Amino acid sequence: MKLNKIEQHALVTECRSSGMKAKAWCEAKGIEYRQYLNWATKLNKESQSEPQQWAHVTMTKEECSTNEIRLHSGKWTICLETGFNPTLLSDILKVVGTVC
């Protein structure tokens, strides 16, 4: 199966968000598992080579729930409660990082 980089990235993302084991997902989609592993490995290497950026954090004395964490940057705020999904937060921060 010959796909461009964007299509490969979309399939790897779809597989990872499916909740299925990669091998089972590939079988269900008719994708050769070894090919999927190549795409996922390339994607992992590319994401590791991107430099990390740090955001400036300012502490304020706003009243908020003791179970809440607020992340502020520029015009946006992300509120997190105890038991938040760290994978979802990571995905959100990646999107915010590319848009902002």
PDB file of N, CA and C in Angstrom:
ATOM      1  N   MET A   1       0.849  -1.175   0.000  1.00  0.00           N
ATOM      2  CA  MET A   1       0.000   0.000   0.000  1.00  0.00           C
ATOM      3  C   MET A   1       0.892   1.235   0.000  1.00  0.00           C
ATOM      4  N   LYS A   2       0.790   2.051  -1.030  1.00  0.00           N
ATOM      5  CA  LYS A   2       1.609   3.253  -1.159  1.00  0.00           C
ATOM      6  C   LYS A   2       0.780   4.478  -0.795  1.00  0.00           C
ATOM      7  N   LEU A   3       1.113   5.099   0.329  1.00  0.00           N
ATOM      8  CA  LEU A   3       0.398   6.284   0.794  1.00  0.00           C
ATOM      9  C   LEU A   3       1.379   7.415   1.031  1.00  0.00           C
ATOM     10  N   ASN A   4       0.902   8.646   0.883  1.00  0.00           N
ATOM     11  CA  ASN A   4       1.792   9.768   1.172  1.00  0.00           C
ATOM     12  C   ASN A   4       1.897   9.965   2.685  1.00  0.00           C
ATOM     13  N   LYS A   5       2.783  10.844   3.094  1.00  0.00           N
ATOM     14  CA  LYS A   5       3.091  11.060   4.500  1.00  0.00           C
ATOM     15  C   LYS A   5       1.854  11.490   5.311  1.00  0.00           C
ATOM     16  N   ILE A   6       1.025  12.339   4.730  1.00  0.00           N
ATOM     17  CA  ILE A   6      -0.172  12.820   5.427  1.00  0.00           C
ATOM     18  C   ILE A   6      -1.148  11.671   5.660  1.00  0.00           C
ATOM     19  N   GLU A   7      -1.322  10.824   4.652  1.00  0.00           N
ATOM     20  CA  GLU A   7      -2.219   9.674   4.783  1.00  0.00           C
ATOM     21  C   GLU A   7      -1.686   8.687   5.822  1.00  0.00           C
ATOM     22  N   GLN A   8      -0.376   8.470   5.827  1.00  0.00           N
ATOM     23  CA  GLN A   8       0.233   7.573   6.810  1.00  0.00           C
ATOM     24  C   GLN A   8       0.008   8.113   8.223  1.00  0.00           C
ATOM     25  N   HIS A   9       0.247   9.410   8.410  1.00  0.00           N
ATOM     26  CA  HIS A   9       0.069  10.046   9.715  1.00  0.00           C
ATOM     27  C   HIS A   9      -1.382   9.905  10.174  1.00  0.00           C
ATOM     28  N   ALA A  10      -2.326  10.119   9.257  1.00  0.00           N
ATOM     29  CA  ALA A  10      -3.747  10.007   9.596  1.00  0.00           C
ATOM     30  C   ALA A  10      -4.100   8.592  10.045  1.00  0.00           C
ATOM     31  N   LEU A  11      -3.558   7.585   9.367  1.00  0.00           N
ATOM     32  CA  LEU A  11      -3.853   6.199   9.732  1.00  0.00           C
ATOM     33  C   LEU A  11      -3.236   5.829  11.082  1.00  0.00           C
ATOM     34  N   VAL A  12      -2.011   6.272  11.322  1.00  0.00           N
ATOM     35  CA  VAL A  12      -1.367   5.997  12.611  1.00  0.00           C
ATOM     36  C   VAL A  12      -2.165   6.659  13.732  1.00  0.00           C
ATOM     37  N   THR A  13      -2.589   7.891  13.520  1.00  0.00           N
ATOM     38  CA  THR A  13      -3.388   8.606  14.517  1.00  0.00           C
ATOM     39  C   THR A  13      -4.718   7.901  14.746  1.00  0.00           C
ATOM     40  N   GLU A  14      -5.352   7.466  13.670  1.00  0.00           N
ATOM     41  CA  GLU A  14      -6.629   6.748  13.791  1.00  0.00           C
ATOM     42  C   GLU A  14      -6.461   5.462  14.598  1.00  0.00           C
ATOM     43  N   CYS A  15      -5.389   4.728  14.305  1.00  0.00           N
ATOM     44  CA  CYS A  15      -5.135   3.480  15.025  1.00  0.00           C
ATOM     45  C   CYS A  15      -4.911   3.755  16.508  1.00  0.00           C
ATOM     46  N   ARG A  16      -4.087   4.746  16.807  1.00  0.00           N
ATOM     47  CA  ARG A  16      -3.764   5.040  18.203  1.00  0.00           C
ATOM     48  C   ARG A  16      -4.978   5.513  18.987  1.00  0.00           C
ATOM     49  N   SER A  17      -5.894   6.196  18.333  1.00  0.00           N
ATOM     50  CA  SER A  17      -7.079   6.686  19.042  1.00  0.00           C
ATOM     51  C   SER A  17      -8.215   5.663  19.063  1.00  0.00           C
ATOM     52  N   SER A  18      -8.040   4.548  18.366  1.00  0.00           N
ATOM     53  CA  SER A  18      -9.109   3.538  18.286  1.00  0.00           C
ATOM     54  C   SER A  18      -9.277   2.740  19.573  1.00  0.00           C
ATOM     55  N   GLY A  19      -8.226   2.667  20.376  1.00  0.00           N
ATOM     56  CA  GLY A  19      -8.285   1.851  21.586  1.00  0.00           C
ATOM     57  C   GLY A  19      -7.995   0.377  21.331  1.00  0.00           C
ATOM     58  N   MET A  20      -7.776   0.030  20.061  1.00  0.00           N
ATOM     59  CA  MET A  20      -7.485  -1.362  19.705  1.00  0.00           C
ATOM     60  C   MET A  20      -5.975  -1.586  19.695  1.00  0.00           C
ATOM     61  N   LYS A  21      -5.582  -2.835  19.807  1.00  0.00           N
ATOM     62  CA  LYS A  21      -4.180  -3.199  19.592  1.00  0.00           C
ATOM     63  C   LYS A  21      -3.877  -2.940  18.122  1.00  0.00           C
ATOM     64  N   ALA A  22      -2.669  -2.463  17.830  1.00  0.00           N
ATOM     65  CA  ALA A  22      -2.311  -2.096  16.461  1.00  0.00           C
ATOM     66  C   ALA A  22      -2.481  -3.267  15.491  1.00  0.00           C
ATOM     67  N   LYS A  23      -2.077  -4.437  15.908  1.00  0.00           N
ATOM     68  CA  LYS A  23      -2.167  -5.595  15.017  1.00  0.00           C
ATOM     69  C   LYS A  23      -3.624  -5.897  14.651  1.00  0.00           C
ATOM     70  N   ALA A  24      -4.517  -5.868  15.639  1.00  0.00           N
ATOM     71  CA  ALA A  24      -5.933  -6.129  15.393  1.00  0.00           C
ATOM     72  C   ALA A  24      -6.541  -5.033  14.518  1.00  0.00           C
ATOM     73  N   TRP A  25      -6.146  -3.784  14.772  1.00  0.00           N
ATOM     74  CA  TRP A  25      -6.656  -2.659  13.977  1.00  0.00           C
ATOM     75  C   TRP A  25      -6.234  -2.824  12.518  1.00  0.00           C
ATOM     76  N   CYS A  26      -4.970  -3.178  12.302  1.00  0.00           N
ATOM     77  CA  CYS A  26      -4.464  -3.373  10.941  1.00  0.00           C
ATOM     78  C   CYS A  26      -5.229  -4.484  10.226  1.00  0.00           C
ATOM     79  N   GLU A  27      -5.470  -5.575  10.916  1.00  0.00           N
ATOM     80  CA  GLU A  27      -6.224  -6.680  10.318  1.00  0.00           C
ATOM     81  C   GLU A  27      -7.629  -6.231   9.923  1.00  0.00           C
ATOM     82  N   ALA A  28      -8.269  -5.448  10.801  1.00  0.00           N
ATOM     83  CA  ALA A  28      -9.628  -4.969  10.524  1.00  0.00           C
ATOM     84  C   ALA A  28      -9.658  -4.015   9.332  1.00  0.00           C
ATOM     85  N   LYS A  29      -8.575  -3.256   9.139  1.00  0.00           N
ATOM     86  CA  LYS A  29      -8.513  -2.272   8.056  1.00  0.00           C
ATOM     87  C   LYS A  29      -7.876  -2.816   6.780  1.00  0.00           C
ATOM     88  N   GLY A  30      -7.347  -4.037   6.854  1.00  0.00           N
ATOM     89  CA  GLY A  30      -6.689  -4.612   5.688  1.00  0.00           C
ATOM     90  C   GLY A  30      -5.326  -3.995   5.404  1.00  0.00           C
ATOM     91  N   ILE A  31      -4.665  -3.559   6.461  1.00  0.00           N
ATOM     92  CA  ILE A  31      -3.335  -2.938   6.345  1.00  0.00           C
ATOM     93  C   ILE A  31      -2.293  -3.920   6.845  1.00  0.00           C
ATOM     94  N   GLU A  32      -1.209  -4.042   6.108  1.00  0.00           N
ATOM     95  CA  GLU A  32      -0.136  -4.938   6.513  1.00  0.00           C
ATOM     96  C   GLU A  32       0.522  -4.388   7.786  1.00  0.00           C
ATOM     97  N   TYR A  33       0.565  -5.215   8.825  1.00  0.00           N
ATOM     98  CA  TYR A  33       1.058  -4.782  10.128  1.00  0.00           C
ATOM     99  C   TYR A  33       2.491  -4.248  10.053  1.00  0.00           C
ATOM    100  N   ARG A  34       3.355  -4.893   9.296  1.00  0.00           N
ATOM    101  CA  ARG A  34       4.751  -4.437   9.178  1.00  0.00           C
ATOM    102  C   ARG A  34       4.817  -3.040   8.561  1.00  0.00           C
ATOM    103  N   GLN A  35       3.923  -2.783   7.598  1.00  0.00           N
ATOM    104  CA  GLN A  35       3.888  -1.463   6.968  1.00  0.00           C
ATOM    105  C   GLN A  35       3.459  -0.404   7.986  1.00  0.00           C
ATOM    106  N   TYR A  36       2.435  -0.754   8.777  1.00  0.00           N
ATOM    107  CA  TYR A  36       1.982   0.166   9.825  1.00  0.00           C
ATOM    108  C   TYR A  36       3.125   0.486  10.793  1.00  0.00           C
ATOM    109  N   LEU A  37       3.881  -0.531  11.202  1.00  0.00           N
ATOM    110  CA  LEU A  37       4.995  -0.310  12.125  1.00  0.00           C
ATOM    111  C   LEU A  37       6.026   0.650  11.530  1.00  0.00           C
ATOM    112  N   ASN A  38       6.282   0.539  10.225  1.00  0.00           N
ATOM    113  CA  ASN A  38       7.209   1.478   9.568  1.00  0.00           C
ATOM    114  C   ASN A  38       6.683   2.906   9.656  1.00  0.00           C
ATOM    115  N   TRP A  39       5.390   3.081   9.367  1.00  0.00           N
ATOM    116  CA  TRP A  39       4.804   4.421   9.425  1.00  0.00           C
ATOM    117  C   TRP A  39       4.873   4.990  10.841  1.00  0.00           C
ATOM    118  N   ALA A  40       4.504   4.185  11.829  1.00  0.00           N
ATOM    119  CA  ALA A  40       4.490   4.631  13.222  1.00  0.00           C
ATOM    120  C   ALA A  40       5.901   4.970  13.699  1.00  0.00           C
ATOM    121  N   THR A  41       6.886   4.171  13.294  1.00  0.00           N
ATOM    122  CA  THR A  41       8.272   4.435  13.680  1.00  0.00           C
ATOM    123  C   THR A  41       8.752   5.755  13.099  1.00  0.00           C
ATOM    124  N   LYS A  42       8.461   5.997  11.818  1.00  0.00           N
ATOM    125  CA  LYS A  42       8.841   7.272  11.186  1.00  0.00           C
ATOM    126  C   LYS A  42       8.188   8.450  11.903  1.00  0.00           C
ATOM    127  N   LEU A  43       6.908   8.315  12.221  1.00  0.00           N
ATOM    128  CA  LEU A  43       6.184   9.379  12.903  1.00  0.00           C
ATOM    129  C   LEU A  43       6.786   9.651  14.274  1.00  0.00           C
ATOM    130  N   ASN A  44       7.125   8.600  15.005  1.00  0.00           N
ATOM    131  CA  ASN A  44       7.744   8.764  16.327  1.00  0.00           C
ATOM    132  C   ASN A  44       9.077   9.482  16.228  1.00  0.00           C
ATOM    133  N   LYS A  45       9.901   9.106  15.239  1.00  0.00           N
ATOM    134  CA  LYS A  45      11.211   9.746  15.071  1.00  0.00           C
ATOM    135  C   LYS A  45      11.065  11.212  14.720  1.00  0.00           C
ATOM    136  N   GLU A  46      10.106  11.540  13.864  1.00  0.00           N
ATOM    137  CA  GLU A  46       9.880  12.927  13.478  1.00  0.00           C
ATOM    138  C   GLU A  46       9.432  13.768  14.667  1.00  0.00           C
ATOM    139  N   SER A  47       8.541  13.216  15.479  1.00  0.00           N
ATOM    140  CA  SER A  47       8.034  13.992  16.609  1.00  0.00           C
ATOM    141  C   SER A  47       9.107  14.177  17.679  1.00  0.00           C
ATOM    142  N   GLN A  48      10.062  13.252  17.768  1.00  0.00           N
ATOM    143  CA  GLN A  48      11.143  13.381  18.745  1.00  0.00           C
ATOM    144  C   GLN A  48      12.171  14.413  18.321  1.00  0.00           C
ATOM    145  N   SER A  49      12.286  14.660  17.012  1.00  0.00           N
ATOM    146  CA  SER A  49      13.291  15.601  16.535  1.00  0.00           C
ATOM    147  C   SER A  49      12.816  17.047  16.634  1.00  0.00           C
ATOM    148  N   GLU A  50      11.522  17.266  16.881  1.00  0.00           N
ATOM    149  CA  GLU A  50      11.003  18.619  17.023  1.00  0.00           C
ATOM    150  C   GLU A  50      11.459  19.186  18.370  1.00  0.00           C
ATOM    151  N   PRO A  51      12.008  20.400  18.363  1.00  0.00           N
ATOM    152  CA  PRO A  51      12.472  20.973  19.628  1.00  0.00           C
ATOM    153  C   PRO A  51      11.296  21.281  20.550  1.00  0.00           C
ATOM    154  N   GLN A  52      11.498  21.041  21.828  1.00  0.00           N
ATOM    155  CA  GLN A  52      10.454  21.339  22.804  1.00  0.00           C
ATOM    156  C   GLN A  52      10.498  22.823  23.135  1.00  0.00           C
ATOM    157  N   GLN A  53       9.338  23.389  23.361  1.00  0.00           N
ATOM    158  CA  GLN A  53       9.266  24.792  23.734  1.00  0.00           C
ATOM    159  C   GLN A  53       8.622  24.890  25.108  1.00  0.00           C
ATOM    160  N   TRP A  54       9.076  25.835  25.875  1.00  0.00           N
ATOM    161  CA  TRP A  54       8.526  26.047  27.204  1.00  0.00           C
ATOM    162  C   TRP A  54       7.676  27.305  27.187  1.00  0.00           C
ATOM    163  N   ALA A  55       6.586  27.276  27.900  1.00  0.00           N
ATOM    164  CA  ALA A  55       5.698  28.428  28.000  1.00  0.00           C
ATOM    165  C   ALA A  55       5.981  29.171  29.296  1.00  0.00           C
ATOM    166  N   HIS A  56       5.805  30.473  29.256  1.00  0.00           N
ATOM    167  CA  HIS A  56       5.944  31.290  30.452  1.00  0.00           C
ATOM    168  C   HIS A  56       4.717  31.050  31.331  1.00  0.00           C
ATOM    169  N   VAL A  57       4.932  30.794  32.610  1.00  0.00           N
ATOM    170  CA  VAL A  57       3.830  30.533  33.538  1.00  0.00           C
ATOM    171  C   VAL A  57       3.830  31.620  34.598  1.00  0.00           C
ATOM    172  N   THR A  58       2.671  32.216  34.808  1.00  0.00           N
ATOM    173  CA  THR A  58       2.519  33.242  35.835  1.00  0.00           C
ATOM    174  C   THR A  58       1.493  32.762  36.848  1.00  0.00           C
ATOM    175  N   MET A  59       1.846  32.778  38.095  1.00  0.00           N
ATOM    176  CA  MET A  59       0.929  32.357  39.153  1.00  0.00           C
ATOM    177  C   MET A  59       0.060  33.548  39.559  1.00  0.00           C
ATOM    178  N   THR A  60      -1.232  33.341  39.654  1.00  0.00           N
ATOM    179  CA  THR A  60      -2.144  34.386  40.101  1.00  0.00           C
ATOM    180  C   THR A  60      -2.944  33.863  41.282  1.00  0.00           C
ATOM    181  N   LYS A  61      -3.535  34.775  42.016  1.00  0.00           N
ATOM    182  CA  LYS A  61      -4.317  34.376  43.179  1.00  0.00           C
ATOM    183  C   LYS A  61      -5.793  34.378  42.833  1.00  0.00           C
ATOM    184  N   GLU A  62      -6.171  33.578  41.859  1.00  0.00           N
ATOM    185  CA  GLU A  62      -7.573  33.419  41.516  1.00  0.00           C
ATOM    186  C   GLU A  62      -8.138  32.298  42.358  1.00  0.00           C
ATOM    187  N   GLU A  63      -9.393  32.444  42.687  1.00  0.00           N
ATOM    188  CA  GLU A  63     -10.039  31.373  43.426  1.00  0.00           C
ATOM    189  C   GLU A  63     -10.474  30.289  42.457  1.00  0.00           C
ATOM    190  N   CYS A  64     -10.093  29.088  42.756  1.00  0.00           N
ATOM    191  CA  CYS A  64     -10.544  27.960  41.952  1.00  0.00           C
ATOM    192  C   CYS A  64     -10.671  26.750  42.867  1.00  0.00           C
ATOM    193  N   SER A  65     -11.325  25.775  42.361  1.00  0.00           N
ATOM    194  CA  SER A  65     -11.540  24.551  43.107  1.00  0.00           C
ATOM    195  C   SER A  65     -10.190  23.948  43.490  1.00  0.00           C
ATOM    196  N   THR A  66     -10.120  23.329  44.648  1.00  0.00           N
ATOM    197  CA  THR A  66      -8.868  22.705  45.069  1.00  0.00           C
ATOM    198  C   THR A  66      -8.537  21.501  44.197  1.00  0.00           C
ATOM    199  N   ASN A  67      -9.510  21.002  43.445  1.00  0.00           N
ATOM    200  CA  ASN A  67      -9.287  19.866  42.561  1.00  0.00           C
ATOM    201  C   ASN A  67      -9.030  20.306  41.128  1.00  0.00           C
ATOM    202  N   GLU A  68      -8.796  21.586  40.916  1.00  0.00           N
ATOM    203  CA  GLU A  68      -8.672  22.098  39.555  1.00  0.00           C
ATOM    204  C   GLU A  68      -7.292  22.700  39.320  1.00  0.00           C
ATOM    205  N   ILE A  69      -6.764  22.444  38.134  1.00  0.00           N
ATOM    206  CA  ILE A  69      -5.520  23.061  37.675  1.00  0.00           C
ATOM    207  C   ILE A  69      -5.870  23.854  36.436  1.00  0.00           C
ATOM    208  N   ARG A  70      -5.404  25.095  36.357  1.00  0.00           N
ATOM    209  CA  ARG A  70      -5.660  25.923  35.178  1.00  0.00           C
ATOM    210  C   ARG A  70      -4.331  26.244  34.501  1.00  0.00           C
ATOM    211  N   LEU A  71      -4.290  26.014  33.208  1.00  0.00           N
ATOM    212  CA  LEU A  71      -3.122  26.358  32.396  1.00  0.00           C
ATOM    213  C   LEU A  71      -3.500  27.548  31.524  1.00  0.00           C
ATOM    214  N   HIS A  72      -2.803  28.670  31.683  1.00  0.00           N
ATOM    215  CA  HIS A  72      -3.089  29.877  30.905  1.00  0.00           C
ATOM    216  C   HIS A  72      -1.922  30.160  29.970  1.00  0.00           C
ATOM    217  N   SER A  73      -2.217  30.552  28.757  1.00  0.00           N
ATOM    218  CA  SER A  73      -1.188  31.004  27.828  1.00  0.00           C
ATOM    219  C   SER A  73      -1.848  31.934  26.827  1.00  0.00           C
ATOM    220  N   GLY A  74      -1.486  33.202  26.882  1.00  0.00           N
ATOM    221  CA  GLY A  74      -2.076  34.156  25.948  1.00  0.00           C
ATOM    222  C   GLY A  74      -3.572  34.244  26.124  1.00  0.00           C
ATOM    223  N   LYS A  75      -4.313  33.931  25.061  1.00  0.00           N
ATOM    224  CA  LYS A  75      -5.771  34.063  25.069  1.00  0.00           C
ATOM    225  C   LYS A  75      -6.501  32.804  25.524  1.00  0.00           C
ATOM    226  N   TRP A  76      -5.804  31.700  25.755  1.00  0.00           N
ATOM    227  CA  TRP A  76      -6.505  30.454  26.075  1.00  0.00           C
ATOM    228  C   TRP A  76      -6.208  29.984  27.496  1.00  0.00           C
ATOM    229  N   THR A  77      -7.159  29.229  28.026  1.00  0.00           N
ATOM    230  CA  THR A  77      -7.039  28.621  29.355  1.00  0.00           C
ATOM    231  C   THR A  77      -7.525  27.183  29.262  1.00  0.00           C
ATOM    232  N   ILE A  78      -6.783  26.279  29.860  1.00  0.00           N
ATOM    233  CA  ILE A  78      -7.197  24.878  29.942  1.00  0.00           C
ATOM    234  C   ILE A  78      -7.382  24.554  31.415  1.00  0.00           C
ATOM    235  N   CYS A  79      -8.575  24.088  31.770  1.00  0.00           N
ATOM    236  CA  CYS A  79      -8.882  23.706  33.156  1.00  0.00           C
ATOM    237  C   CYS A  79      -8.867  22.186  33.268  1.00  0.00           C
ATOM    238  N   LEU A  80      -8.137  21.699  34.249  1.00  0.00           N
ATOM    239  CA  LEU A  80      -8.028  20.254  34.467  1.00  0.00           C
ATOM    240  C   LEU A  80      -8.519  19.915  35.864  1.00  0.00           C
ATOM    241  N   GLU A  81      -9.236  18.838  35.961  1.00  0.00           N
ATOM    242  CA  GLU A  81      -9.707  18.367  37.256  1.00  0.00           C
ATOM    243  C   GLU A  81      -8.955  17.092  37.623  1.00  0.00           C
ATOM    244  N   THR A  82      -9.002  16.703  38.866  1.00  0.00           N
ATOM    245  CA  THR A  82      -8.381  15.468  39.314  1.00  0.00           C
ATOM    246  C   THR A  82      -8.865  14.317  38.440  1.00  0.00           C
ATOM    247  N   GLY A  83      -7.941  13.479  38.011  1.00  0.00           N
ATOM    248  CA  GLY A  83      -8.288  12.329  37.193  1.00  0.00           C
ATOM    249  C   GLY A  83      -8.356  12.631  35.705  1.00  0.00           C
ATOM    250  N   PHE A  84      -7.810  13.802  35.289  1.00  0.00           N
ATOM    251  CA  PHE A  84      -7.820  14.132  33.861  1.00  0.00           C
ATOM    252  C   PHE A  84      -7.030  13.104  33.065  1.00  0.00           C
ATOM    253  N   ASN A  85      -7.303  13.043  31.763  1.00  0.00           N
ATOM    254  CA  ASN A  85      -6.646  12.101  30.858  1.00  0.00           C
ATOM    255  C   ASN A  85      -5.352  12.728  30.338  1.00  0.00           C
ATOM    256  N   PRO A  86      -4.174  12.269  30.775  1.00  0.00           N
ATOM    257  CA  PRO A  86      -2.917  12.886  30.341  1.00  0.00           C
ATOM    258  C   PRO A  86      -2.671  12.754  28.839  1.00  0.00           C
ATOM    259  N   THR A  87      -3.166  11.697  28.225  1.00  0.00           N
ATOM    260  CA  THR A  87      -3.000  11.532  26.778  1.00  0.00           C
ATOM    261  C   THR A  87      -3.789  12.599  26.042  1.00  0.00           C
ATOM    262  N   LEU A  88      -5.011  12.854  26.496  1.00  0.00           N
ATOM    263  CA  LEU A  88      -5.830  13.893  25.887  1.00  0.00           C
ATOM    264  C   LEU A  88      -5.179  15.257  26.059  1.00  0.00           C
ATOM    265  N   LEU A  89      -4.651  15.549  27.252  1.00  0.00           N
ATOM    266  CA  LEU A  89      -3.961  16.817  27.481  1.00  0.00           C
ATOM    267  C   LEU A  89      -2.781  16.959  26.539  1.00  0.00           C
ATOM    268  N   SER A  90      -2.004  15.908  26.377  1.00  0.00           N
ATOM    269  CA  SER A  90      -0.861  15.926  25.471  1.00  0.00           C
ATOM    270  C   SER A  90      -1.297  16.242  24.048  1.00  0.00           C
ATOM    271  N   ASP A  91      -2.370  15.594  23.597  1.00  0.00           N
ATOM    272  CA  ASP A  91      -2.890  15.845  22.248  1.00  0.00           C
ATOM    273  C   ASP A  91      -3.358  17.289  22.095  1.00  0.00           C
ATOM    274  N   ILE A  92      -4.041  17.806  23.111  1.00  0.00           N
ATOM    275  CA  ILE A  92      -4.523  19.192  23.069  1.00  0.00           C
ATOM    276  C   ILE A  92      -3.347  20.156  22.998  1.00  0.00           C
ATOM    277  N   LEU A  93      -2.319  19.940  23.805  1.00  0.00           N
ATOM    278  CA  LEU A  93      -1.163  20.838  23.819  1.00  0.00           C
ATOM    279  C   LEU A  93      -0.409  20.783  22.496  1.00  0.00           C
ATOM    280  N   LYS A  94      -0.362  19.622  21.842  1.00  0.00           N
ATOM    281  CA  LYS A  94       0.272  19.524  20.529  1.00  0.00           C
ATOM    282  C   LYS A  94      -0.493  20.362  19.518  1.00  0.00           C
ATOM    283  N   VAL A  95      -1.818  20.279  19.545  1.00  0.00           N
ATOM    284  CA  VAL A  95      -2.633  21.071  18.615  1.00  0.00           C
ATOM    285  C   VAL A  95      -2.470  22.555  18.899  1.00  0.00           C
ATOM    286  N   VAL A  96      -2.543  22.941  20.173  1.00  0.00           N
ATOM    287  CA  VAL A  96      -2.380  24.340  20.534  1.00  0.00           C
ATOM    288  C   VAL A  96      -0.991  24.832  20.096  1.00  0.00           C
ATOM    289  N   GLY A  97       0.017  23.978  20.266  1.00  0.00           N
ATOM    290  CA  GLY A  97       1.380  24.349  19.874  1.00  0.00           C
ATOM    291  C   GLY A  97       1.529  24.596  18.382  1.00  0.00           C
ATOM    292  N   THR A  98       0.793  23.869  17.575  1.00  0.00           N
ATOM    293  CA  THR A  98       0.897  24.067  16.134  1.00  0.00           C
ATOM    294  C   THR A  98       0.066  25.244  15.656  1.00  0.00           C
ATOM    295  N   VAL A  99      -1.020  25.549  16.375  1.00  0.00           N
ATOM    296  CA  VAL A  99      -1.902  26.641  15.972  1.00  0.00           C
ATOM    297  C   VAL A  99      -1.390  27.988  16.481  1.00  0.00           C
ATOM    298  N   CYS A 100      -0.863  28.001  17.675  1.00  0.00           N
ATOM    299  CA  CYS A 100      -0.449  29.283  18.290  1.00  0.00           C
ATOM    300  C   CYS A 100       0.971  29.671  17.931  1.00  0.00           C
TER     301      CYS A 100
END
